[in-house]
């Protein structure tokens, strides 16, 4: 089974995290991921899987689509 990996999420994730007034460490704990993972995603050094996108969005209490670049969003 192939899983989708989204790229270019970093700046949107960093912005949403700051709006939520969370540190990278707090977001990592809330999403149950490693701090290094959050750092790498925010620096666009790695992509984000659908499951991880869902976990991070849930920790931020936002719709996962808000973190995706415009080219990745569904239209309609």
C-alpha atoms as a PDB file:
ATOM      1  CA  UNK A   1       0.000   0.000   0.000  1.00  0.00           C
ATOM      2  CA  UNK A   2       1.310   3.432  -0.944  1.00  0.00           C
ATOM      3  CA  UNK A   3       0.905   6.309   1.469  1.00  0.00           C
ATOM      4  CA  UNK A   4       0.778   9.921   0.370  1.00  0.00           C
ATOM      5  CA  UNK A   5       3.482  12.242   1.631  1.00  0.00           C
ATOM      6  CA  UNK A   6       2.727  15.944   1.450  1.00  0.00           C
ATOM      7  CA  UNK A   7       5.553  18.428   0.878  1.00  0.00           C
ATOM      8  CA  UNK A   8       5.730  22.155   1.526  1.00  0.00           C
ATOM      9  CA  UNK A   9       3.661  22.075   4.697  1.00  0.00           C
ATOM     10  CA  UNK A  10       6.365  23.652   6.872  1.00  0.00           C
ATOM     11  CA  UNK A  11       5.494  27.333   6.758  1.00  0.00           C
ATOM     12  CA  UNK A  12       1.785  26.680   7.236  1.00  0.00           C
ATOM     13  CA  UNK A  13       2.492  24.346  10.147  1.00  0.00           C
ATOM     14  CA  UNK A  14       4.819  26.852  11.810  1.00  0.00           C
ATOM     15  CA  UNK A  15       2.239  29.619  11.386  1.00  0.00           C
ATOM     16  CA  UNK A  16      -0.622  27.511  12.775  1.00  0.00           C
ATOM     17  CA  UNK A  17       1.557  26.455  15.709  1.00  0.00           C
ATOM     18  CA  UNK A  18       2.401  30.065  16.552  1.00  0.00           C
ATOM     19  CA  UNK A  19      -1.258  31.110  16.272  1.00  0.00           C
ATOM     20  CA  UNK A  20      -2.092  28.299  18.705  1.00  0.00           C
ATOM     21  CA  UNK A  21       0.630  29.698  20.991  1.00  0.00           C
ATOM     22  CA  UNK A  22       2.497  26.385  21.147  1.00  0.00           C
ATOM     23  CA  UNK A  23       6.207  25.672  21.083  1.00  0.00           C
ATOM     24  CA  UNK A  24       7.522  22.979  18.777  1.00  0.00           C
ATOM     25  CA  UNK A  25       8.005  20.748  21.831  1.00  0.00           C
ATOM     26  CA  UNK A  26       4.421  21.291  23.003  1.00  0.00           C
ATOM     27  CA  UNK A  27       3.066  20.483  19.545  1.00  0.00           C
ATOM     28  CA  UNK A  28       5.226  17.377  19.318  1.00  0.00           C
ATOM     29  CA  UNK A  29       3.914  16.135  22.681  1.00  0.00           C
ATOM     30  CA  UNK A  30       0.300  16.907  21.786  1.00  0.00           C
ATOM     31  CA  UNK A  31       0.600  15.109  18.425  1.00  0.00           C
ATOM     32  CA  UNK A  32       2.626  12.250  19.947  1.00  0.00           C
ATOM     33  CA  UNK A  33       5.572  12.694  17.568  1.00  0.00           C
ATOM     34  CA  UNK A  34       9.258  13.393  18.057  1.00  0.00           C
ATOM     35  CA  UNK A  35      10.360  16.991  18.417  1.00  0.00           C
ATOM     36  CA  UNK A  36      12.877  16.449  15.606  1.00  0.00           C
ATOM     37  CA  UNK A  37      10.033  15.451  13.306  1.00  0.00           C
ATOM     38  CA  UNK A  38       8.189  18.722  13.921  1.00  0.00           C
ATOM     39  CA  UNK A  39      11.397  20.682  13.386  1.00  0.00           C
ATOM     40  CA  UNK A  40      12.174  18.920  10.101  1.00  0.00           C
ATOM     41  CA  UNK A  41       8.650  19.383   8.780  1.00  0.00           C
ATOM     42  CA  UNK A  42       8.673  23.095   9.632  1.00  0.00           C
ATOM     43  CA  UNK A  43      12.018  23.481   7.817  1.00  0.00           C
ATOM     44  CA  UNK A  44      10.626  21.501   4.855  1.00  0.00           C
ATOM     45  CA  UNK A  45      13.378  18.928   5.288  1.00  0.00           C
ATOM     46  CA  UNK A  46      10.807  16.145   5.241  1.00  0.00           C
ATOM     47  CA  UNK A  47       7.256  15.648   4.102  1.00  0.00           C
ATOM     48  CA  UNK A  48       4.301  14.708   6.232  1.00  0.00           C
ATOM     49  CA  UNK A  49       2.165  11.594   5.865  1.00  0.00           C
ATOM     50  CA  UNK A  50      -1.605  11.709   5.966  1.00  0.00           C
ATOM     51  CA  UNK A  51      -1.713  10.122   9.419  1.00  0.00           C
ATOM     52  CA  UNK A  52       0.842  12.559  10.811  1.00  0.00           C
ATOM     53  CA  UNK A  53      -0.967  15.466   9.148  1.00  0.00           C
ATOM     54  CA  UNK A  54      -4.161  14.381  10.911  1.00  0.00           C
ATOM     55  CA  UNK A  55      -2.395  14.067  14.279  1.00  0.00           C
ATOM     56  CA  UNK A  56      -0.750  17.486  14.026  1.00  0.00           C
ATOM     57  CA  UNK A  57      -3.981  19.134  12.850  1.00  0.00           C
ATOM     58  CA  UNK A  58      -5.884  17.541  15.735  1.00  0.00           C
ATOM     59  CA  UNK A  59      -3.278  18.832  18.190  1.00  0.00           C
ATOM     60  CA  UNK A  60      -3.747  22.303  16.687  1.00  0.00           C
ATOM     61  CA  UNK A  61      -7.557  21.890  16.586  1.00  0.00           C
ATOM     62  CA  UNK A  62      -7.722  22.791  12.889  1.00  0.00           C
ATOM     63  CA  UNK A  63      -8.816  21.129   9.651  1.00  0.00           C
ATOM     64  CA  UNK A  64      -5.847  19.239   8.140  1.00  0.00           C
ATOM     65  CA  UNK A  65      -6.521  20.877   4.760  1.00  0.00           C
ATOM     66  CA  UNK A  66      -5.466  24.233   6.241  1.00  0.00           C
ATOM     67  CA  UNK A  67      -1.896  22.929   6.473  1.00  0.00           C
ATOM     68  CA  UNK A  68      -1.660  21.839   2.850  1.00  0.00           C
ATOM     69  CA  UNK A  69      -0.199  24.064   0.135  1.00  0.00           C
ATOM     70  CA  UNK A  70      -2.822  25.393  -2.288  1.00  0.00           C
ATOM     71  CA  UNK A  71      -1.686  22.945  -4.978  1.00  0.00           C
ATOM     72  CA  UNK A  72      -2.455  19.971  -2.697  1.00  0.00           C
ATOM     73  CA  UNK A  73      -5.966  21.047  -1.687  1.00  0.00           C
ATOM     74  CA  UNK A  74      -9.036  19.553  -3.238  1.00  0.00           C
ATOM     75  CA  UNK A  75     -10.981  21.970  -5.405  1.00  0.00           C
ATOM     76  CA  UNK A  76     -14.738  22.091  -5.367  1.00  0.00           C
END
